[in-house]
Amino acid sequence: KDRDLVPSQSEANGAPLGVVCDSH
């Protein structure tokens, strides 16, 4: 009911991951 005032205790791994690049 308090929405964003309460932190989640669940894993949230849905953001994309970065990828290490070779710039050459």
mmCIF file of all heavy atoms, coordinates in Angstrom:
data_MODEL
# 
_entry.id   MODEL 
# 
loop_
_atom_site.group_PDB 
_atom_site.id 
_atom_site.type_symbol 
_atom_site.label_atom_id 
_atom_site.label_alt_id 
_atom_site.label_comp_id 
_atom_site.label_asym_id 
_atom_site.label_entity_id 
_atom_site.label_seq_id 
_atom_site.pdbx_PDB_ins_code 
_atom_site.Cartn_x 
_atom_site.Cartn_y 
_atom_site.Cartn_z 
_atom_site.occupancy 
_atom_site.B_iso_or_equiv 
_atom_site.pdbx_formal_charge 
_atom_site.auth_seq_id 
_atom_site.auth_comp_id 
_atom_site.auth_asym_id 
_atom_site.auth_atom_id 
_atom_site.pdbx_PDB_model_num 
ATOM 1   N N   . LYS A 1 1  ? 0.825  -1.216  0.000   1.00 0.00 ? 1  LYS A N   1 
ATOM 2   C CA  . LYS A 1 1  ? 0.000  0.000   0.000   1.00 0.00 ? 1  LYS A CA  1 
ATOM 3   C C   . LYS A 1 1  ? 0.856  1.262   0.000   1.00 0.00 ? 1  LYS A C   1 
ATOM 4   O O   . LYS A 1 1  ? 0.417  2.320   -0.461  1.00 0.00 ? 1  LYS A O   1 
ATOM 5   C CB  . LYS A 1 1  ? -0.944 0.011   1.204   1.00 0.00 ? 1  LYS A CB  1 
ATOM 6   C CG  . LYS A 1 1  ? -0.261 0.021   2.561   1.00 0.00 ? 1  LYS A CG  1 
ATOM 7   C CD  . LYS A 1 1  ? -1.280 0.008   3.699   1.00 0.00 ? 1  LYS A CD  1 
ATOM 8   C CE  . LYS A 1 1  ? -0.627 0.006   5.064   1.00 0.00 ? 1  LYS A CE  1 
ATOM 9   N NZ  . LYS A 1 1  ? 0.179  1.218   5.322   1.00 0.00 ? 1  LYS A NZ  1 
ATOM 10  N N   . ASP A 1 2  ? 2.072  1.189   0.526   1.00 0.00 ? 2  ASP A N   1 
ATOM 11  C CA  . ASP A 1 2  ? 2.962  2.355   0.538   1.00 0.00 ? 2  ASP A CA  1 
ATOM 12  C C   . ASP A 1 2  ? 3.882  2.408   -0.682  1.00 0.00 ? 2  ASP A C   1 
ATOM 13  O O   . ASP A 1 2  ? 4.785  3.248   -0.736  1.00 0.00 ? 2  ASP A O   1 
ATOM 14  C CB  . ASP A 1 2  ? 3.807  2.349   1.819   1.00 0.00 ? 2  ASP A CB  1 
ATOM 15  C CG  . ASP A 1 2  ? 2.961  2.578   3.058   1.00 0.00 ? 2  ASP A CG  1 
ATOM 16  O OD1 . ASP A 1 2  ? 1.973  3.320   2.961   1.00 0.00 ? 2  ASP A OD1 1 
ATOM 17  O OD2 . ASP A 1 2  ? 3.297  1.999   4.113   1.00 0.00 ? 2  ASP A OD2 1 
ATOM 18  N N   . ARG A 1 3  ? 3.698  1.501   -1.602  1.00 0.00 ? 3  ARG A N   1 
ATOM 19  C CA  . ARG A 1 3  ? 4.397  1.468   -2.887  1.00 0.00 ? 3  ARG A CA  1 
ATOM 20  C C   . ARG A 1 3  ? 5.897  1.651   -2.750  1.00 0.00 ? 3  ARG A C   1 
ATOM 21  O O   . ARG A 1 3  ? 6.571  0.832   -2.111  1.00 0.00 ? 3  ARG A O   1 
ATOM 22  C CB  . ARG A 1 3  ? 3.795  2.505   -3.854  1.00 0.00 ? 3  ARG A CB  1 
ATOM 23  C CG  . ARG A 1 3  ? 2.299  2.382   -4.052  1.00 0.00 ? 3  ARG A CG  1 
ATOM 24  C CD  . ARG A 1 3  ? 1.900  1.045   -4.683  1.00 0.00 ? 3  ARG A CD  1 
ATOM 25  N NE  . ARG A 1 3  ? 2.348  0.922   -6.050  1.00 0.00 ? 3  ARG A NE  1 
ATOM 26  C CZ  . ARG A 1 3  ? 1.676  1.355   -7.115  1.00 0.00 ? 3  ARG A CZ  1 
ATOM 27  N NH1 . ARG A 1 3  ? 0.513  1.966   -6.940  1.00 0.00 ? 3  ARG A NH1 1 
ATOM 28  N NH2 . ARG A 1 3  ? 2.145  1.172   -8.330  1.00 0.00 ? 3  ARG A NH2 1 
ATOM 29  N N   . ASP A 1 4  ? 6.445  2.725   -3.307  1.00 0.00 ? 4  ASP A N   1 
ATOM 30  C CA  . ASP A 1 4  ? 7.904  2.854   -3.421  1.00 0.00 ? 4  ASP A CA  1 
ATOM 31  C C   . ASP A 1 4  ? 8.588  3.147   -2.090  1.00 0.00 ? 4  ASP A C   1 
ATOM 32  O O   . ASP A 1 4  ? 9.820  3.204   -2.039  1.00 0.00 ? 4  ASP A O   1 
ATOM 33  C CB  . ASP A 1 4  ? 8.270  3.943   -4.422  1.00 0.00 ? 4  ASP A CB  1 
ATOM 34  C CG  . ASP A 1 4  ? 7.808  5.322   -3.993  1.00 0.00 ? 4  ASP A CG  1 
ATOM 35  O OD1 . ASP A 1 4  ? 6.616  5.470   -3.688  1.00 0.00 ? 4  ASP A OD1 1 
ATOM 36  O OD2 . ASP A 1 4  ? 8.641  6.247   -3.950  1.00 0.00 ? 4  ASP A OD2 1 
ATOM 37  N N   . LEU A 1 5  ? 7.841  3.320   -1.025  1.00 0.00 ? 5  LEU A N   1 
ATOM 38  C CA  . LEU A 1 5  ? 8.469  3.572   0.275   1.00 0.00 ? 5  LEU A CA  1 
ATOM 39  C C   . LEU A 1 5  ? 8.984  2.285   0.928   1.00 0.00 ? 5  LEU A C   1 
ATOM 40  O O   . LEU A 1 5  ? 9.752  2.342   1.898   1.00 0.00 ? 5  LEU A O   1 
ATOM 41  C CB  . LEU A 1 5  ? 7.479  4.260   1.210   1.00 0.00 ? 5  LEU A CB  1 
ATOM 42  C CG  . LEU A 1 5  ? 7.040  5.673   0.788   1.00 0.00 ? 5  LEU A CG  1 
ATOM 43  C CD1 . LEU A 1 5  ? 6.020  6.221   1.782   1.00 0.00 ? 5  LEU A CD1 1 
ATOM 44  C CD2 . LEU A 1 5  ? 8.238  6.608   0.675   1.00 0.00 ? 5  LEU A CD2 1 
ATOM 45  N N   . VAL A 1 6  ? 8.595  1.135   0.371   1.00 0.00 ? 6  VAL A N   1 
ATOM 46  C CA  . VAL A 1 6  ? 8.966  -0.147  0.975   1.00 0.00 ? 6  VAL A CA  1 
ATOM 47  C C   . VAL A 1 6  ? 9.889  -0.902  0.016   1.00 0.00 ? 6  VAL A C   1 
ATOM 48  O O   . VAL A 1 6  ? 9.483  -1.246  -1.097  1.00 0.00 ? 6  VAL A O   1 
ATOM 49  C CB  . VAL A 1 6  ? 7.710  -0.992  1.268   1.00 0.00 ? 6  VAL A CB  1 
ATOM 50  C CG1 . VAL A 1 6  ? 8.108  -2.324  1.900   1.00 0.00 ? 6  VAL A CG1 1 
ATOM 51  C CG2 . VAL A 1 6  ? 6.758  -0.227  2.172   1.00 0.00 ? 6  VAL A CG2 1 
ATOM 52  N N   . PRO A 1 7  ? 11.131 -1.184  0.414   1.00 0.00 ? 7  PRO A N   1 
ATOM 53  C CA  . PRO A 1 7  ? 12.065 -1.865  -0.495  1.00 0.00 ? 7  PRO A CA  1 
ATOM 54  C C   . PRO A 1 7  ? 11.657 -3.310  -0.738  1.00 0.00 ? 7  PRO A C   1 
ATOM 55  O O   . PRO A 1 7  ? 11.125 -3.991  0.152   1.00 0.00 ? 7  PRO A O   1 
ATOM 56  C CB  . PRO A 1 7  ? 13.398 -1.789  0.249   1.00 0.00 ? 7  PRO A CB  1 
ATOM 57  C CG  . PRO A 1 7  ? 13.030 -1.674  1.686   1.00 0.00 ? 7  PRO A CG  1 
ATOM 58  C CD  . PRO A 1 7  ? 11.761 -0.867  1.716   1.00 0.00 ? 7  PRO A CD  1 
ATOM 59  N N   . SER A 1 8  ? 11.921 -3.778  -1.938  1.00 0.00 ? 8  SER A N   1 
ATOM 60  C CA  . SER A 1 8  ? 11.629 -5.162  -2.286  1.00 0.00 ? 8  SER A CA  1 
ATOM 61  C C   . SER A 1 8  ? 12.691 -6.082  -1.690  1.00 0.00 ? 8  SER A C   1 
ATOM 62  O O   . SER A 1 8  ? 13.871 -5.736  -1.629  1.00 0.00 ? 8  SER A O   1 
ATOM 63  C CB  . SER A 1 8  ? 11.600 -5.326  -3.806  1.00 0.00 ? 8  SER A CB  1 
ATOM 64  O OG  . SER A 1 8  ? 11.478 -6.689  -4.151  1.00 0.00 ? 8  SER A OG  1 
ATOM 65  N N   . GLN A 1 9  ? 12.264 -7.273  -1.283  1.00 0.00 ? 9  GLN A N   1 
ATOM 66  C CA  . GLN A 1 9  ? 13.177 -8.292  -0.767  1.00 0.00 ? 9  GLN A CA  1 
ATOM 67  C C   . GLN A 1 9  ? 13.421 -9.393  -1.799  1.00 0.00 ? 9  GLN A C   1 
ATOM 68  O O   . GLN A 1 9  ? 14.114 -10.369 -1.508  1.00 0.00 ? 9  GLN A O   1 
ATOM 69  C CB  . GLN A 1 9  ? 12.605 -8.899  0.518   1.00 0.00 ? 9  GLN A CB  1 
ATOM 70  C CG  . GLN A 1 9  ? 12.385 -7.895  1.631   1.00 0.00 ? 9  GLN A CG  1 
ATOM 71  C CD  . GLN A 1 9  ? 13.662 -7.147  1.994   1.00 0.00 ? 9  GLN A CD  1 
ATOM 72  O OE1 . GLN A 1 9  ? 14.724 -7.749  2.147   1.00 0.00 ? 9  GLN A OE1 1 
ATOM 73  N NE2 . GLN A 1 9  ? 13.559 -5.815  2.123   1.00 0.00 ? 9  GLN A NE2 1 
ATOM 74  N N   . SER A 1 10 ? 12.880 -9.213  -2.994  1.00 0.00 ? 10 SER A N   1 
ATOM 75  C CA  . SER A 1 10 ? 13.030 -10.213 -4.056  1.00 0.00 ? 10 SER A CA  1 
ATOM 76  C C   . SER A 1 10 ? 14.140 -9.808  -5.013  1.00 0.00 ? 10 SER A C   1 
ATOM 77  O O   . SER A 1 10 ? 14.374 -8.621  -5.256  1.00 0.00 ? 10 SER A O   1 
ATOM 78  C CB  . SER A 1 10 ? 11.717 -10.361 -4.830  1.00 0.00 ? 10 SER A CB  1 
ATOM 79  O OG  . SER A 1 10 ? 10.664 -10.714 -3.957  1.00 0.00 ? 10 SER A OG  1 
ATOM 80  N N   . GLU A 1 11 ? 14.811 -10.817 -5.578  1.00 0.00 ? 11 GLU A N   1 
ATOM 81  C CA  . GLU A 1 11 ? 15.836 -10.549 -6.582  1.00 0.00 ? 11 GLU A CA  1 
ATOM 82  C C   . GLU A 1 11 ? 15.187 -9.921  -7.815  1.00 0.00 ? 11 GLU A C   1 
ATOM 83  O O   . GLU A 1 11 ? 14.140 -10.378 -8.285  1.00 0.00 ? 11 GLU A O   1 
ATOM 84  C CB  . GLU A 1 11 ? 16.544 -11.839 -6.979  1.00 0.00 ? 11 GLU A CB  1 
ATOM 85  C CG  . GLU A 1 11 ? 17.439 -12.415 -5.898  1.00 0.00 ? 11 GLU A CG  1 
ATOM 86  C CD  . GLU A 1 11 ? 18.769 -11.684 -5.822  1.00 0.00 ? 11 GLU A CD  1 
ATOM 87  O OE1 . GLU A 1 11 ? 19.284 -11.257 -6.873  1.00 0.00 ? 11 GLU A OE1 1 
ATOM 88  O OE2 . GLU A 1 11 ? 19.296 -11.535 -4.699  1.00 0.00 ? 11 GLU A OE2 1 
ATOM 89  N N   . ALA A 1 12 ? 15.827 -8.888  -8.330  1.00 0.00 ? 12 ALA A N   1 
ATOM 90  C CA  . ALA A 1 12 ? 15.359 -8.229  -9.555  1.00 0.00 ? 12 ALA A CA  1 
ATOM 91  C C   . ALA A 1 12 ? 16.529 -8.183  -10.530 1.00 0.00 ? 12 ALA A C   1 
ATOM 92  O O   . ALA A 1 12 ? 17.403 -7.317  -10.435 1.00 0.00 ? 12 ALA A O   1 
ATOM 93  C CB  . ALA A 1 12 ? 14.844 -6.828  -9.251  1.00 0.00 ? 12 ALA A CB  1 
ATOM 94  N N   . ASN A 1 13 ? 16.535 -9.141  -11.462 1.00 0.00 ? 13 ASN A N   1 
ATOM 95  C CA  . ASN A 1 13 ? 17.649 -9.276  -12.407 1.00 0.00 ? 13 ASN A CA  1 
ATOM 96  C C   . ASN A 1 13 ? 17.209 -9.042  -13.844 1.00 0.00 ? 13 ASN A C   1 
ATOM 97  O O   . ASN A 1 13 ? 17.820 -9.556  -14.782 1.00 0.00 ? 13 ASN A O   1 
ATOM 98  C CB  . ASN A 1 13 ? 18.270 -10.671 -12.281 1.00 0.00 ? 13 ASN A CB  1 
ATOM 99  C CG  . ASN A 1 13 ? 18.872 -10.904 -10.910 1.00 0.00 ? 13 ASN A CG  1 
ATOM 100 O OD1 . ASN A 1 13 ? 19.367 -9.982  -10.273 1.00 0.00 ? 13 ASN A OD1 1 
ATOM 101 N ND2 . ASN A 1 13 ? 18.812 -12.154 -10.439 1.00 0.00 ? 13 ASN A ND2 1 
ATOM 102 N N   . GLY A 1 14 ? 16.143 -8.248  -14.027 1.00 0.00 ? 14 GLY A N   1 
ATOM 103 C CA  . GLY A 1 14 ? 15.586 -8.078  -15.364 1.00 0.00 ? 14 GLY A CA  1 
ATOM 104 C C   . GLY A 1 14 ? 16.231 -7.010  -16.218 1.00 0.00 ? 14 GLY A C   1 
ATOM 105 O O   . GLY A 1 14 ? 15.977 -6.931  -17.419 1.00 0.00 ? 14 GLY A O   1 
ATOM 106 N N   . ALA A 1 15 ? 17.082 -6.157  -15.614 1.00 0.00 ? 15 ALA A N   1 
ATOM 107 C CA  . ALA A 1 15 ? 17.760 -5.133  -16.421 1.00 0.00 ? 15 ALA A CA  1 
ATOM 108 C C   . ALA A 1 15 ? 18.764 -5.793  -17.352 1.00 0.00 ? 15 ALA A C   1 
ATOM 109 O O   . ALA A 1 15 ? 19.379 -6.811  -16.993 1.00 0.00 ? 15 ALA A O   1 
ATOM 110 C CB  . ALA A 1 15 ? 18.456 -4.126  -15.515 1.00 0.00 ? 15 ALA A CB  1 
ATOM 111 N N   . PRO A 1 16 ? 18.977 -5.268  -18.549 1.00 0.00 ? 16 PRO A N   1 
ATOM 112 C CA  . PRO A 1 16 ? 20.003 -5.833  -19.426 1.00 0.00 ? 16 PRO A CA  1 
ATOM 113 C C   . PRO A 1 16 ? 21.370 -5.780  -18.754 1.00 0.00 ? 16 PRO A C   1 
ATOM 114 O O   . PRO A 1 16 ? 21.642 -4.925  -17.906 1.00 0.00 ? 16 PRO A O   1 
ATOM 115 C CB  . PRO A 1 16 ? 19.966 -4.922  -20.652 1.00 0.00 ? 16 PRO A CB  1 
ATOM 116 C CG  . PRO A 1 16 ? 18.629 -4.268  -20.619 1.00 0.00 ? 16 PRO A CG  1 
ATOM 117 C CD  . PRO A 1 16 ? 18.291 -4.126  -19.163 1.00 0.00 ? 16 PRO A CD  1 
ATOM 118 N N   . LEU A 1 17 ? 22.235 -6.687  -19.146 1.00 0.00 ? 17 LEU A N   1 
ATOM 119 C CA  . LEU A 1 17 ? 23.606 -6.698  -18.663 1.00 0.00 ? 17 LEU A CA  1 
ATOM 120 C C   . LEU A 1 17 ? 24.505 -5.945  -19.629 1.00 0.00 ? 17 LEU A C   1 
ATOM 121 O O   . LEU A 1 17 ? 24.258 -5.908  -20.842 1.00 0.00 ? 17 LEU A O   1 
ATOM 122 C CB  . LEU A 1 17 ? 24.104 -8.145  -18.533 1.00 0.00 ? 17 LEU A CB  1 
ATOM 123 C CG  . LEU A 1 17 ? 23.463 -8.984  -17.424 1.00 0.00 ? 17 LEU A CG  1 
ATOM 124 C CD1 . LEU A 1 17 ? 23.716 -10.461 -17.655 1.00 0.00 ? 17 LEU A CD1 1 
ATOM 125 C CD2 . LEU A 1 17 ? 23.987 -8.551  -16.058 1.00 0.00 ? 17 LEU A CD2 1 
ATOM 126 N N   . GLY A 1 18 ? 25.544 -5.324  -19.093 1.00 0.00 ? 18 GLY A N   1 
ATOM 127 C CA  . GLY A 1 18 ? 26.564 -4.755  -19.947 1.00 0.00 ? 18 GLY A CA  1 
ATOM 128 C C   . GLY A 1 18 ? 27.413 -5.852  -20.571 1.00 0.00 ? 18 GLY A C   1 
ATOM 129 O O   . GLY A 1 18 ? 27.462 -6.983  -20.082 1.00 0.00 ? 18 GLY A O   1 
ATOM 130 N N   . VAL A 1 19 ? 28.070 -5.524  -21.677 1.00 0.00 ? 19 VAL A N   1 
ATOM 131 C CA  . VAL A 1 19 ? 28.953 -6.471  -22.359 1.00 0.00 ? 19 VAL A CA  1 
ATOM 132 C C   . VAL A 1 19 ? 30.307 -5.806  -22.549 1.00 0.00 ? 19 VAL A C   1 
ATOM 133 O O   . VAL A 1 19 ? 30.393 -4.693  -23.086 1.00 0.00 ? 19 VAL A O   1 
ATOM 134 C CB  . VAL A 1 19 ? 28.378 -6.891  -23.731 1.00 0.00 ? 19 VAL A CB  1 
ATOM 135 C CG1 . VAL A 1 19 ? 29.324 -7.876  -24.430 1.00 0.00 ? 19 VAL A CG1 1 
ATOM 136 C CG2 . VAL A 1 19 ? 26.990 -7.506  -23.566 1.00 0.00 ? 19 VAL A CG2 1 
ATOM 137 N N   . VAL A 1 20 ? 31.364 -6.464  -22.100 1.00 0.00 ? 20 VAL A N   1 
ATOM 138 C CA  . VAL A 1 20 ? 32.717 -5.943  -22.302 1.00 0.00 ? 20 VAL A CA  1 
ATOM 139 C C   . VAL A 1 20 ? 33.028 -5.956  -23.795 1.00 0.00 ? 20 VAL A C   1 
ATOM 140 O O   . VAL A 1 20 ? 32.779 -6.949  -24.486 1.00 0.00 ? 20 VAL A O   1 
ATOM 141 C CB  . VAL A 1 20 ? 33.748 -6.781  -21.531 1.00 0.00 ? 20 VAL A CB  1 
ATOM 142 C CG1 . VAL A 1 20 ? 35.170 -6.295  -21.829 1.00 0.00 ? 20 VAL A CG1 1 
ATOM 143 C CG2 . VAL A 1 20 ? 33.463 -6.721  -20.036 1.00 0.00 ? 20 VAL A CG2 1 
ATOM 144 N N   . CYS A 1 21 ? 33.562 -4.847  -24.314 1.00 0.00 ? 21 CYS A N   1 
ATOM 145 C CA  . CYS A 1 21 ? 33.817 -4.710  -25.746 1.00 0.00 ? 21 CYS A CA  1 
ATOM 146 C C   . CYS A 1 21 ? 35.305 -4.512  -26.028 1.00 0.00 ? 21 CYS A C   1 
ATOM 147 O O   . CYS A 1 21 ? 36.031 -3.929  -25.226 1.00 0.00 ? 21 CYS A O   1 
ATOM 148 C CB  . CYS A 1 21 ? 33.048 -3.509  -26.308 1.00 0.00 ? 21 CYS A CB  1 
ATOM 149 S SG  . CYS A 1 21 ? 31.264 -3.713  -26.313 1.00 0.00 ? 21 CYS A SG  1 
ATOM 150 N N   . ASP A 1 22 ? 35.712 -4.972  -27.189 1.00 0.00 ? 22 ASP A N   1 
ATOM 151 C CA  . ASP A 1 22 ? 37.025 -4.642  -27.742 1.00 0.00 ? 22 ASP A CA  1 
ATOM 152 C C   . ASP A 1 22 ? 36.806 -3.483  -28.698 1.00 0.00 ? 22 ASP A C   1 
ATOM 153 O O   . ASP A 1 22 ? 36.085 -3.615  -29.693 1.00 0.00 ? 22 ASP A O   1 
ATOM 154 C CB  . ASP A 1 22 ? 37.608 -5.848  -28.471 1.00 0.00 ? 22 ASP A CB  1 
ATOM 155 C CG  . ASP A 1 22 ? 39.016 -5.591  -29.015 1.00 0.00 ? 22 ASP A CG  1 
ATOM 156 O OD1 . ASP A 1 22 ? 39.471 -4.429  -28.958 1.00 0.00 ? 22 ASP A OD1 1 
ATOM 157 O OD2 . ASP A 1 22 ? 39.644 -6.544  -29.497 1.00 0.00 ? 22 ASP A OD2 1 
ATOM 158 N N   . SER A 1 23 ? 37.401 -2.338  -28.429 1.00 0.00 ? 23 SER A N   1 
ATOM 159 C CA  . SER A 1 23 ? 37.113 -1.131  -29.208 1.00 0.00 ? 23 SER A CA  1 
ATOM 160 C C   . SER A 1 23 ? 37.819 -1.095  -30.557 1.00 0.00 ? 23 SER A C   1 
ATOM 161 O O   . SER A 1 23 ? 37.557 -0.197  -31.363 1.00 0.00 ? 23 SER A O   1 
ATOM 162 C CB  . SER A 1 23 ? 37.500 0.115   -28.408 1.00 0.00 ? 23 SER A CB  1 
ATOM 163 O OG  . SER A 1 23 ? 38.896 0.115   -28.140 1.00 0.00 ? 23 SER A OG  1 
ATOM 164 N N   . HIS A 1 24 ? 38.699 -2.052  -30.827 1.00 0.00 ? 24 HIS A N   1 
ATOM 165 C CA  . HIS A 1 24 ? 39.451 -1.997  -32.088 1.00 0.00 ? 24 HIS A CA  1 
ATOM 166 C C   . HIS A 1 24 ? 38.525 -2.165  -33.289 1.00 0.00 ? 24 HIS A C   1 
ATOM 167 O O   . HIS A 1 24 ? 37.649 -3.041  -33.309 1.00 0.00 ? 24 HIS A O   1 
ATOM 168 C CB  . HIS A 1 24 ? 40.521 -3.081  -32.128 1.00 0.00 ? 24 HIS A CB  1 
ATOM 169 C CG  . HIS A 1 24 ? 41.251 -3.126  -33.448 1.00 0.00 ? 24 HIS A CG  1 
ATOM 170 N ND1 . HIS A 1 24 ? 42.172 -2.170  -33.834 1.00 0.00 ? 24 HIS A ND1 1 
ATOM 171 C CD2 . HIS A 1 24 ? 41.157 -4.003  -34.482 1.00 0.00 ? 24 HIS A CD2 1 
ATOM 172 C CE1 . HIS A 1 24 ? 42.625 -2.459  -35.032 1.00 0.00 ? 24 HIS A CE1 1 
ATOM 173 N NE2 . HIS A 1 24 ? 42.034 -3.563  -35.452 1.00 0.00 ? 24 HIS A NE2 1 
# 
